[in-house]
């Protein structure tokens, strides 16, 4: 076959495409376990940073895993606010359940401050304890819609009153760097510490303002400064906190916790109920 022929050119291009496709596909398959491990590790790191259990964003995998041993994970039912002992945390996929017509729960528009639309019937709660064994922090995974993406974060609340913010950490979003992407800025996140997500009647009232907080206002304790040039992102950040702390989400669990404060939750870990059918 003539090296300059059309047939030879097409054949070489075809073989090259096949070889490259095989190489890329093989690399993707081989690297997937490492990618999944790194993604899970990054979530753990951001949870630890939000809760103050880790202060080094560049911590090694070993340091992250060691610090994470202090965290207890539970699955709760949003409907009852109680721990769902029959659900295996490793098998629960909240995002898939929130998008499945068979399992998703529609969020009423008047409650959907974070433009979330639907959620799973179950959610995760993370607890940490102090040196006396009492629950110190309640860490809630929260998410809401920004300008360009869904923003995922961990909200750490003081267990003593279930409404004082101890930290916030965003671990996934696609907001514009320098604008909405400033949700990652430690200086902005530091404003959240000490703020109250509930009023005295435990109604969700937290806000991220369009401008700056008026320190003389009675509502200042429930507010943080907005993000310059990112009004929609800021609204989504505040709205998602209002929704996830409502009784349609984690509010019932937090109310139950207040009524049984410092109870022994050692029996709440997952147990194998193989006879029970749960669609995840």
C-alpha atoms as a PDB file:
ATOM      1  CA  UNK A   1       0.000   0.000   0.000  1.00  0.00           C
ATOM      2  CA  UNK A   2       1.328   3.395  -1.010  1.00  0.00           C
ATOM      3  CA  UNK A   3       2.390   5.406   2.048  1.00  0.00           C
ATOM      4  CA  UNK A   4       0.803   8.508   0.536  1.00  0.00           C
ATOM      5  CA  UNK A   5      -2.505   6.861  -0.296  1.00  0.00           C
ATOM      6  CA  UNK A   6      -5.788   7.885   1.292  1.00  0.00           C
ATOM      7  CA  UNK A   7      -6.362   4.323   2.475  1.00  0.00           C
ATOM      8  CA  UNK A   8      -3.028   4.205   4.331  1.00  0.00           C
ATOM      9  CA  UNK A   9      -3.690   7.580   5.988  1.00  0.00           C
ATOM     10  CA  UNK A  10      -7.143   6.498   7.156  1.00  0.00           C
ATOM     11  CA  UNK A  11      -5.801   3.160   8.428  1.00  0.00           C
ATOM     12  CA  UNK A  12      -3.016   4.791  10.442  1.00  0.00           C
ATOM     13  CA  UNK A  13      -5.464   7.309  11.914  1.00  0.00           C
ATOM     14  CA  UNK A  14      -7.904   4.520  12.810  1.00  0.00           C
ATOM     15  CA  UNK A  15      -5.217   2.398  14.504  1.00  0.00           C
ATOM     16  CA  UNK A  16      -3.945   5.441  16.388  1.00  0.00           C
ATOM     17  CA  UNK A  17      -7.469   6.251  17.610  1.00  0.00           C
ATOM     18  CA  UNK A  18      -8.013   2.682  18.774  1.00  0.00           C
ATOM     19  CA  UNK A  19      -4.681   2.559  20.621  1.00  0.00           C
ATOM     20  CA  UNK A  20      -5.328   5.911  22.326  1.00  0.00           C
ATOM     21  CA  UNK A  21      -8.870   4.885  23.280  1.00  0.00           C
ATOM     22  CA  UNK A  22      -7.652   1.646  24.837  1.00  0.00           C
ATOM     23  CA  UNK A  23      -4.912   3.507  26.724  1.00  0.00           C
ATOM     24  CA  UNK A  24      -7.263   6.181  28.075  1.00  0.00           C
ATOM     25  CA  UNK A  25      -9.973   3.669  29.017  1.00  0.00           C
ATOM     26  CA  UNK A  26      -7.452   1.445  30.800  1.00  0.00           C
ATOM     27  CA  UNK A  27      -6.004   4.407  32.683  1.00  0.00           C
ATOM     28  CA  UNK A  28      -9.486   5.518  33.748  1.00  0.00           C
ATOM     29  CA  UNK A  29     -10.363   2.056  35.052  1.00  0.00           C
ATOM     30  CA  UNK A  30      -7.046   1.600  36.857  1.00  0.00           C
ATOM     31  CA  UNK A  31      -7.125   5.063  38.440  1.00  0.00           C
ATOM     32  CA  UNK A  32     -10.779   4.979  39.516  1.00  0.00           C
ATOM     33  CA  UNK A  33     -10.114   3.401  42.964  1.00  0.00           C
ATOM     34  CA  UNK A  34      -7.468   6.036  43.692  1.00  0.00           C
ATOM     35  CA  UNK A  35      -9.771   8.831  42.514  1.00  0.00           C
ATOM     36  CA  UNK A  36     -12.616   7.557  44.692  1.00  0.00           C
ATOM     37  CA  UNK A  37     -10.261   7.253  47.679  1.00  0.00           C
ATOM     38  CA  UNK A  38      -8.982  10.805  47.199  1.00  0.00           C
ATOM     39  CA  UNK A  39     -12.533  12.162  46.839  1.00  0.00           C
ATOM     40  CA  UNK A  40     -13.624  10.461  50.073  1.00  0.00           C
ATOM     41  CA  UNK A  41     -10.482  11.680  51.824  1.00  0.00           C
ATOM     42  CA  UNK A  42     -11.158  15.264  50.715  1.00  0.00           C
ATOM     43  CA  UNK A  43     -14.677  15.089  52.168  1.00  0.00           C
ATOM     44  CA  UNK A  44     -13.279  13.839  55.475  1.00  0.00           C
ATOM     45  CA  UNK A  45     -10.668  16.605  55.481  1.00  0.00           C
ATOM     46  CA  UNK A  46     -13.269  19.320  54.960  1.00  0.00           C
ATOM     47  CA  UNK A  47     -15.488  17.879  57.670  1.00  0.00           C
ATOM     48  CA  UNK A  48     -12.546  17.925  60.079  1.00  0.00           C
ATOM     49  CA  UNK A  49     -11.578  21.476  59.100  1.00  0.00           C
ATOM     50  CA  UNK A  50     -15.157  22.698  59.570  1.00  0.00           C
ATOM     51  CA  UNK A  51     -15.326  21.088  63.000  1.00  0.00           C
ATOM     52  CA  UNK A  52     -11.916  22.334  64.136  1.00  0.00           C
ATOM     53  CA  UNK A  53     -10.578  18.809  64.577  1.00  0.00           C
ATOM     54  CA  UNK A  54      -7.978  19.556  61.918  1.00  0.00           C
ATOM     55  CA  UNK A  55      -6.218  22.886  61.383  1.00  0.00           C
ATOM     56  CA  UNK A  56      -3.864  21.992  58.556  1.00  0.00           C
ATOM     57  CA  UNK A  57      -5.424  22.030  55.050  1.00  0.00           C
ATOM     58  CA  UNK A  58      -2.309  20.238  53.793  1.00  0.00           C
ATOM     59  CA  UNK A  59      -2.579  17.355  56.252  1.00  0.00           C
ATOM     60  CA  UNK A  60      -1.440  13.948  55.030  1.00  0.00           C
ATOM     61  CA  UNK A  61      -3.817  11.072  54.428  1.00  0.00           C
ATOM     62  CA  UNK A  62      -2.559   9.413  57.611  1.00  0.00           C
ATOM     63  CA  UNK A  63      -3.215  12.561  59.670  1.00  0.00           C
ATOM     64  CA  UNK A  64      -6.716  12.901  58.220  1.00  0.00           C
ATOM     65  CA  UNK A  65      -7.615   9.283  58.904  1.00  0.00           C
ATOM     66  CA  UNK A  66      -6.258   9.503  62.454  1.00  0.00           C
ATOM     67  CA  UNK A  67      -8.244  12.675  63.219  1.00  0.00           C
ATOM     68  CA  UNK A  68     -11.366  11.183  61.661  1.00  0.00           C
ATOM     69  CA  UNK A  69     -11.383   8.440  64.295  1.00  0.00           C
ATOM     70  CA  UNK A  70     -12.924  11.039  66.630  1.00  0.00           C
ATOM     71  CA  UNK A  71     -16.015  11.306  64.424  1.00  0.00           C
ATOM     72  CA  UNK A  72     -19.146   9.186  64.889  1.00  0.00           C
ATOM     73  CA  UNK A  73     -21.417   8.799  61.860  1.00  0.00           C
ATOM     74  CA  UNK A  74     -25.167   8.118  61.990  1.00  0.00           C
ATOM     75  CA  UNK A  75     -27.971   7.889  59.456  1.00  0.00           C
ATOM     76  CA  UNK A  76     -31.215   9.593  60.423  1.00  0.00           C
ATOM     77  CA  UNK A  77     -34.724   9.662  59.037  1.00  0.00           C
ATOM     78  CA  UNK A  78     -35.780  13.212  58.222  1.00  0.00           C
ATOM     79  CA  UNK A  79     -39.415  12.247  58.746  1.00  0.00           C
ATOM     80  CA  UNK A  80     -38.951  11.201  62.380  1.00  0.00           C
ATOM     81  CA  UNK A  81     -35.653  12.853  63.304  1.00  0.00           C
ATOM     82  CA  UNK A  82     -34.494   9.525  64.715  1.00  0.00           C
ATOM     83  CA  UNK A  83     -31.496   7.361  63.922  1.00  0.00           C
ATOM     84  CA  UNK A  84     -32.253   4.811  61.173  1.00  0.00           C
ATOM     85  CA  UNK A  85     -30.412   1.801  62.536  1.00  0.00           C
ATOM     86  CA  UNK A  86     -31.431  -0.415  59.615  1.00  0.00           C
ATOM     87  CA  UNK A  87     -29.540   1.704  57.061  1.00  0.00           C
ATOM     88  CA  UNK A  88     -25.916   0.856  56.306  1.00  0.00           C
ATOM     89  CA  UNK A  89     -24.000   4.163  55.921  1.00  0.00           C
ATOM     90  CA  UNK A  90     -21.741   2.615  53.288  1.00  0.00           C
ATOM     91  CA  UNK A  91     -24.699   1.751  51.080  1.00  0.00           C
ATOM     92  CA  UNK A  92     -26.593   5.028  51.371  1.00  0.00           C
ATOM     93  CA  UNK A  93     -26.368   7.300  48.332  1.00  0.00           C
ATOM     94  CA  UNK A  94     -28.273  10.490  49.135  1.00  0.00           C
ATOM     95  CA  UNK A  95     -27.711  12.151  45.777  1.00  0.00           C
ATOM     96  CA  UNK A  96     -29.064   9.191  43.868  1.00  0.00           C
ATOM     97  CA  UNK A  97     -32.081   8.921  46.176  1.00  0.00           C
ATOM     98  CA  UNK A  98     -32.773  12.652  45.850  1.00  0.00           C
ATOM     99  CA  UNK A  99     -32.902  12.304  42.058  1.00  0.00           C
ATOM    100  CA  UNK A 100     -34.860   9.052  41.871  1.00  0.00           C
ATOM    101  CA  UNK A 101     -38.644   9.333  41.353  1.00  0.00           C
ATOM    102  CA  UNK A 102     -39.040   6.291  43.625  1.00  0.00           C
ATOM    103  CA  UNK A 103     -37.262   7.722  46.669  1.00  0.00           C
ATOM    104  CA  UNK A 104     -36.982  11.503  46.421  1.00  0.00           C
ATOM    105  CA  UNK A 105     -38.918  13.824  48.714  1.00  0.00           C
ATOM    106  CA  UNK A 106     -40.132  17.043  47.139  1.00  0.00           C
ATOM    107  CA  UNK A 107     -39.326  20.168  49.134  1.00  0.00           C
ATOM    108  CA  UNK A 108     -42.247  22.619  49.426  1.00  0.00           C
ATOM    109  CA  UNK A 109     -41.410  25.830  47.577  1.00  0.00           C
ATOM    110  CA  UNK A 110     -42.062  27.981  50.656  1.00  0.00           C
ATOM    111  CA  UNK A 111     -39.357  26.037  52.536  1.00  0.00           C
ATOM    112  CA  UNK A 112     -36.876  25.644  49.705  1.00  0.00           C
ATOM    113  CA  UNK A 113     -34.661  28.625  50.527  1.00  0.00           C
ATOM    114  CA  UNK A 114     -31.648  26.926  48.943  1.00  0.00           C
ATOM    115  CA  UNK A 115     -33.355  25.997  45.635  1.00  0.00           C
ATOM    116  CA  UNK A 116     -32.726  22.303  46.340  1.00  0.00           C
ATOM    117  CA  UNK A 117     -36.079  20.991  45.001  1.00  0.00           C
ATOM    118  CA  UNK A 118     -35.821  17.459  46.373  1.00  0.00           C
ATOM    119  CA  UNK A 119     -33.884  15.484  48.953  1.00  0.00           C
ATOM    120  CA  UNK A 120     -33.365  11.917  50.085  1.00  0.00           C
ATOM    121  CA  UNK A 121     -35.553  10.579  52.925  1.00  0.00           C
ATOM    122  CA  UNK A 122     -32.409   9.949  54.973  1.00  0.00           C
ATOM    123  CA  UNK A 123     -29.349  11.994  55.847  1.00  0.00           C
ATOM    124  CA  UNK A 124     -26.057  11.724  57.698  1.00  0.00           C
ATOM    125  CA  UNK A 125     -25.189  13.261  61.031  1.00  0.00           C
ATOM    126  CA  UNK A 126     -21.671  13.364  62.495  1.00  0.00           C
ATOM    127  CA  UNK A 127     -20.955  13.743  66.208  1.00  0.00           C
ATOM    128  CA  UNK A 128     -17.771  14.392  68.162  1.00  0.00           C
ATOM    129  CA  UNK A 129     -17.290  14.105  71.917  1.00  0.00           C
ATOM    130  CA  UNK A 130     -15.288  15.964  74.517  1.00  0.00           C
ATOM    131  CA  UNK A 131     -12.888  14.406  77.024  1.00  0.00           C
ATOM    132  CA  UNK A 132     -15.822  13.555  79.303  1.00  0.00           C
ATOM    133  CA  UNK A 133     -17.578  11.589  76.594  1.00  0.00           C
ATOM    134  CA  UNK A 134     -20.341  14.137  76.110  1.00  0.00           C
ATOM    135  CA  UNK A 135     -21.348  15.165  72.593  1.00  0.00           C
ATOM    136  CA  UNK A 136     -19.478  18.349  71.744  1.00  0.00           C
ATOM    137  CA  UNK A 137     -20.282  18.977  68.075  1.00  0.00           C
ATOM    138  CA  UNK A 138     -23.107  18.119  65.702  1.00  0.00           C
ATOM    139  CA  UNK A 139     -21.897  18.250  62.101  1.00  0.00           C
ATOM    140  CA  UNK A 140     -24.497  18.402  59.342  1.00  0.00           C
ATOM    141  CA  UNK A 141     -23.897  17.938  55.608  1.00  0.00           C
ATOM    142  CA  UNK A 142     -25.802  20.719  53.840  1.00  0.00           C
ATOM    143  CA  UNK A 143     -26.124  21.818  50.231  1.00  0.00           C
ATOM    144  CA  UNK A 144     -27.882  24.418  48.136  1.00  0.00           C
ATOM    145  CA  UNK A 145     -27.827  26.086  44.744  1.00  0.00           C
ATOM    146  CA  UNK A 146     -25.343  28.832  43.974  1.00  0.00           C
ATOM    147  CA  UNK A 147     -25.057  30.769  40.729  1.00  0.00           C
ATOM    148  CA  UNK A 148     -23.425  28.021  38.651  1.00  0.00           C
ATOM    149  CA  UNK A 149     -23.490  24.930  40.801  1.00  0.00           C
ATOM    150  CA  UNK A 150     -24.779  23.036  43.788  1.00  0.00           C
ATOM    151  CA  UNK A 151     -22.650  23.935  46.804  1.00  0.00           C
ATOM    152  CA  UNK A 152     -21.908  21.184  49.330  1.00  0.00           C
ATOM    153  CA  UNK A 153     -20.698  21.982  52.824  1.00  0.00           C
ATOM    154  CA  UNK A 154     -20.417  20.815  56.430  1.00  0.00           C
ATOM    155  CA  UNK A 155     -22.042  22.928  59.120  1.00  0.00           C
ATOM    156  CA  UNK A 156     -20.709  22.348  62.647  1.00  0.00           C
ATOM    157  CA  UNK A 157     -23.043  23.275  65.508  1.00  0.00           C
ATOM    158  CA  UNK A 158     -22.299  23.457  69.219  1.00  0.00           C
ATOM    159  CA  UNK A 159     -24.087  20.512  70.829  1.00  0.00           C
ATOM    160  CA  UNK A 160     -24.760  22.483  74.015  1.00  0.00           C
ATOM    161  CA  UNK A 161     -27.513  24.510  72.334  1.00  0.00           C
ATOM    162  CA  UNK A 162     -27.688  23.008  68.790  1.00  0.00           C
ATOM    163  CA  UNK A 163     -27.781  26.485  67.250  1.00  0.00           C
ATOM    164  CA  UNK A 164     -24.373  28.124  67.649  1.00  0.00           C
ATOM    165  CA  UNK A 165     -22.131  27.733  64.607  1.00  0.00           C
ATOM    166  CA  UNK A 166     -18.683  26.396  65.377  1.00  0.00           C
ATOM    167  CA  UNK A 167     -17.545  26.176  61.758  1.00  0.00           C
ATOM    168  CA  UNK A 168     -18.449  25.881  58.080  1.00  0.00           C
ATOM    169  CA  UNK A 169     -16.529  24.170  55.297  1.00  0.00           C
ATOM    170  CA  UNK A 170     -17.431  23.901  51.599  1.00  0.00           C
ATOM    171  CA  UNK A 171     -16.068  20.761  49.965  1.00  0.00           C
ATOM    172  CA  UNK A 172     -17.629  20.878  46.493  1.00  0.00           C
ATOM    173  CA  UNK A 173     -18.910  23.662  44.245  1.00  0.00           C
ATOM    174  CA  UNK A 174     -18.396  25.258  40.840  1.00  0.00           C
ATOM    175  CA  UNK A 175     -18.725  28.942  41.713  1.00  0.00           C
ATOM    176  CA  UNK A 176     -16.623  31.621  40.001  1.00  0.00           C
ATOM    177  CA  UNK A 177     -13.132  32.037  41.519  1.00  0.00           C
ATOM    178  CA  UNK A 178     -12.759  35.444  43.165  1.00  0.00           C
ATOM    179  CA  UNK A 179     -16.541  35.935  43.341  1.00  0.00           C
ATOM    180  CA  UNK A 180     -18.823  33.112  44.465  1.00  0.00           C
ATOM    181  CA  UNK A 181     -15.715  30.980  44.910  1.00  0.00           C
ATOM    182  CA  UNK A 182     -14.939  33.110  47.968  1.00  0.00           C
ATOM    183  CA  UNK A 183     -17.078  30.694  49.969  1.00  0.00           C
ATOM    184  CA  UNK A 184     -13.739  28.898  50.362  1.00  0.00           C
ATOM    185  CA  UNK A 185     -12.058  31.966  51.862  1.00  0.00           C
ATOM    186  CA  UNK A 186     -11.096  31.223  55.502  1.00  0.00           C
ATOM    187  CA  UNK A 187     -11.644  34.882  56.451  1.00  0.00           C
ATOM    188  CA  UNK A 188     -15.234  34.785  55.237  1.00  0.00           C
ATOM    189  CA  UNK A 189     -15.861  31.412  56.847  1.00  0.00           C
ATOM    190  CA  UNK A 190     -14.472  32.755  60.155  1.00  0.00           C
ATOM    191  CA  UNK A 191     -17.444  35.160  60.315  1.00  0.00           C
ATOM    192  CA  UNK A 192     -19.771  32.202  60.771  1.00  0.00           C
ATOM    193  CA  UNK A 193     -18.278  31.110  64.081  1.00  0.00           C
ATOM    194  CA  UNK A 194     -20.506  32.099  66.995  1.00  0.00           C
ATOM    195  CA  UNK A 195     -23.518  32.957  64.821  1.00  0.00           C
ATOM    196  CA  UNK A 196     -26.907  31.467  65.700  1.00  0.00           C
ATOM    197  CA  UNK A 197     -28.881  29.523  63.089  1.00  0.00           C
ATOM    198  CA  UNK A 198     -32.086  29.638  65.192  1.00  0.00           C
ATOM    199  CA  UNK A 199     -33.907  32.380  67.049  1.00  0.00           C
ATOM    200  CA  UNK A 200     -35.133  31.921  70.643  1.00  0.00           C
ATOM    201  CA  UNK A 201     -38.093  29.877  69.385  1.00  0.00           C
ATOM    202  CA  UNK A 202     -35.785  27.634  67.343  1.00  0.00           C
ATOM    203  CA  UNK A 203     -37.005  28.950  64.024  1.00  0.00           C
ATOM    204  CA  UNK A 204     -34.365  28.930  61.250  1.00  0.00           C
ATOM    205  CA  UNK A 205     -33.338  32.558  60.688  1.00  0.00           C
ATOM    206  CA  UNK A 206     -29.726  32.476  59.517  1.00  0.00           C
ATOM    207  CA  UNK A 207     -28.857  34.830  56.640  1.00  0.00           C
ATOM    208  CA  UNK A 208     -25.966  35.705  54.369  1.00  0.00           C
ATOM    209  CA  UNK A 209     -26.613  39.332  53.539  1.00  0.00           C
ATOM    210  CA  UNK A 210     -26.158  41.180  50.279  1.00  0.00           C
ATOM    211  CA  UNK A 211     -23.968  43.727  52.063  1.00  0.00           C
ATOM    212  CA  UNK A 212     -22.342  43.960  55.473  1.00  0.00           C
ATOM    213  CA  UNK A 213     -23.801  43.074  58.846  1.00  0.00           C
ATOM    214  CA  UNK A 214     -24.907  45.992  61.019  1.00  0.00           C
ATOM    215  CA  UNK A 215     -23.293  45.084  64.332  1.00  0.00           C
ATOM    216  CA  UNK A 216     -25.848  47.202  66.216  1.00  0.00           C
ATOM    217  CA  UNK A 217     -28.791  45.258  64.809  1.00  0.00           C
ATOM    218  CA  UNK A 218     -30.586  42.708  66.968  1.00  0.00           C
ATOM    219  CA  UNK A 219     -30.389  40.312  64.022  1.00  0.00           C
ATOM    220  CA  UNK A 220     -26.595  40.579  63.693  1.00  0.00           C
ATOM    221  CA  UNK A 221     -26.099  37.354  65.641  1.00  0.00           C
ATOM    222  CA  UNK A 222     -27.949  35.512  62.848  1.00  0.00           C
ATOM    223  CA  UNK A 223     -26.133  37.160  59.923  1.00  0.00           C
ATOM    224  CA  UNK A 224     -22.806  37.171  58.083  1.00  0.00           C
ATOM    225  CA  UNK A 225     -21.473  39.525  55.420  1.00  0.00           C
ATOM    226  CA  UNK A 226     -22.309  38.839  51.812  1.00  0.00           C
ATOM    227  CA  UNK A 227     -19.843  38.120  49.019  1.00  0.00           C
ATOM    228  CA  UNK A 228     -18.947  41.059  46.774  1.00  0.00           C
ATOM    229  CA  UNK A 229     -20.280  40.465  43.265  1.00  0.00           C
ATOM    230  CA  UNK A 230     -21.839  37.129  44.222  1.00  0.00           C
ATOM    231  CA  UNK A 231     -25.311  37.900  45.519  1.00  0.00           C
ATOM    232  CA  UNK A 232     -26.884  34.675  44.221  1.00  0.00           C
ATOM    233  CA  UNK A 233     -24.122  32.533  45.712  1.00  0.00           C
ATOM    234  CA  UNK A 234     -24.490  34.307  49.065  1.00  0.00           C
ATOM    235  CA  UNK A 235     -28.263  33.880  48.995  1.00  0.00           C
ATOM    236  CA  UNK A 236     -27.832  30.169  48.279  1.00  0.00           C
ATOM    237  CA  UNK A 237     -25.381  29.743  51.161  1.00  0.00           C
ATOM    238  CA  UNK A 238     -27.762  31.341  53.637  1.00  0.00           C
ATOM    239  CA  UNK A 239     -30.826  29.669  52.172  1.00  0.00           C
ATOM    240  CA  UNK A 240     -29.390  26.186  52.383  1.00  0.00           C
ATOM    241  CA  UNK A 241     -28.709  26.653  56.103  1.00  0.00           C
ATOM    242  CA  UNK A 242     -32.285  27.835  56.655  1.00  0.00           C
ATOM    243  CA  UNK A 243     -33.664  24.792  54.855  1.00  0.00           C
ATOM    244  CA  UNK A 244     -31.444  22.095  56.358  1.00  0.00           C
ATOM    245  CA  UNK A 245     -32.059  23.347  59.896  1.00  0.00           C
ATOM    246  CA  UNK A 246     -35.827  23.382  59.322  1.00  0.00           C
ATOM    247  CA  UNK A 247     -38.197  20.643  60.508  1.00  0.00           C
ATOM    248  CA  UNK A 248     -38.398  19.384  56.929  1.00  0.00           C
ATOM    249  CA  UNK A 249     -34.734  18.374  57.221  1.00  0.00           C
ATOM    250  CA  UNK A 250     -32.461  18.189  60.311  1.00  0.00           C
ATOM    251  CA  UNK A 251     -34.737  20.285  62.539  1.00  0.00           C
ATOM    252  CA  UNK A 252     -36.559  17.278  63.998  1.00  0.00           C
ATOM    253  CA  UNK A 253     -33.289  15.539  64.791  1.00  0.00           C
ATOM    254  CA  UNK A 254     -31.922  18.636  66.514  1.00  0.00           C
ATOM    255  CA  UNK A 255     -35.123  18.970  68.527  1.00  0.00           C
ATOM    256  CA  UNK A 256     -34.879  15.325  69.588  1.00  0.00           C
ATOM    257  CA  UNK A 257     -31.255  15.870  70.527  1.00  0.00           C
ATOM    258  CA  UNK A 258     -32.135  18.842  72.719  1.00  0.00           C
ATOM    259  CA  UNK A 259     -34.720  16.734  74.532  1.00  0.00           C
ATOM    260  CA  UNK A 260     -32.276  13.883  75.121  1.00  0.00           C
ATOM    261  CA  UNK A 261     -29.076  15.887  75.455  1.00  0.00           C
ATOM    262  CA  UNK A 262     -25.968  13.901  76.348  1.00  0.00           C
ATOM    263  CA  UNK A 263     -27.837  10.650  75.950  1.00  0.00           C
ATOM    264  CA  UNK A 264     -25.834   7.521  75.339  1.00  0.00           C
ATOM    265  CA  UNK A 265     -25.724   7.046  71.558  1.00  0.00           C
ATOM    266  CA  UNK A 266     -23.288   4.147  71.670  1.00  0.00           C
ATOM    267  CA  UNK A 267     -26.036   1.806  70.467  1.00  0.00           C
ATOM    268  CA  UNK A 268     -26.756   3.876  67.381  1.00  0.00           C
ATOM    269  CA  UNK A 269     -24.116   2.377  65.173  1.00  0.00           C
ATOM    270  CA  UNK A 270     -25.261   0.363  62.206  1.00  0.00           C
ATOM    271  CA  UNK A 271     -26.403  -3.171  62.870  1.00  0.00           C
ATOM    272  CA  UNK A 272     -27.088  -5.723  60.155  1.00  0.00           C
ATOM    273  CA  UNK A 273     -30.850  -6.127  59.727  1.00  0.00           C
ATOM    274  CA  UNK A 274     -30.648  -8.459  56.759  1.00  0.00           C
ATOM    275  CA  UNK A 275     -34.321  -9.336  56.959  1.00  0.00           C
ATOM    276  CA  UNK A 276     -35.411  -5.729  56.360  1.00  0.00           C
ATOM    277  CA  UNK A 277     -35.851  -4.424  52.841  1.00  0.00           C
ATOM    278  CA  UNK A 278     -34.653  -0.884  52.278  1.00  0.00           C
ATOM    279  CA  UNK A 279     -34.344   0.599  48.777  1.00  0.00           C
ATOM    280  CA  UNK A 280     -31.325   2.848  48.548  1.00  0.00           C
END
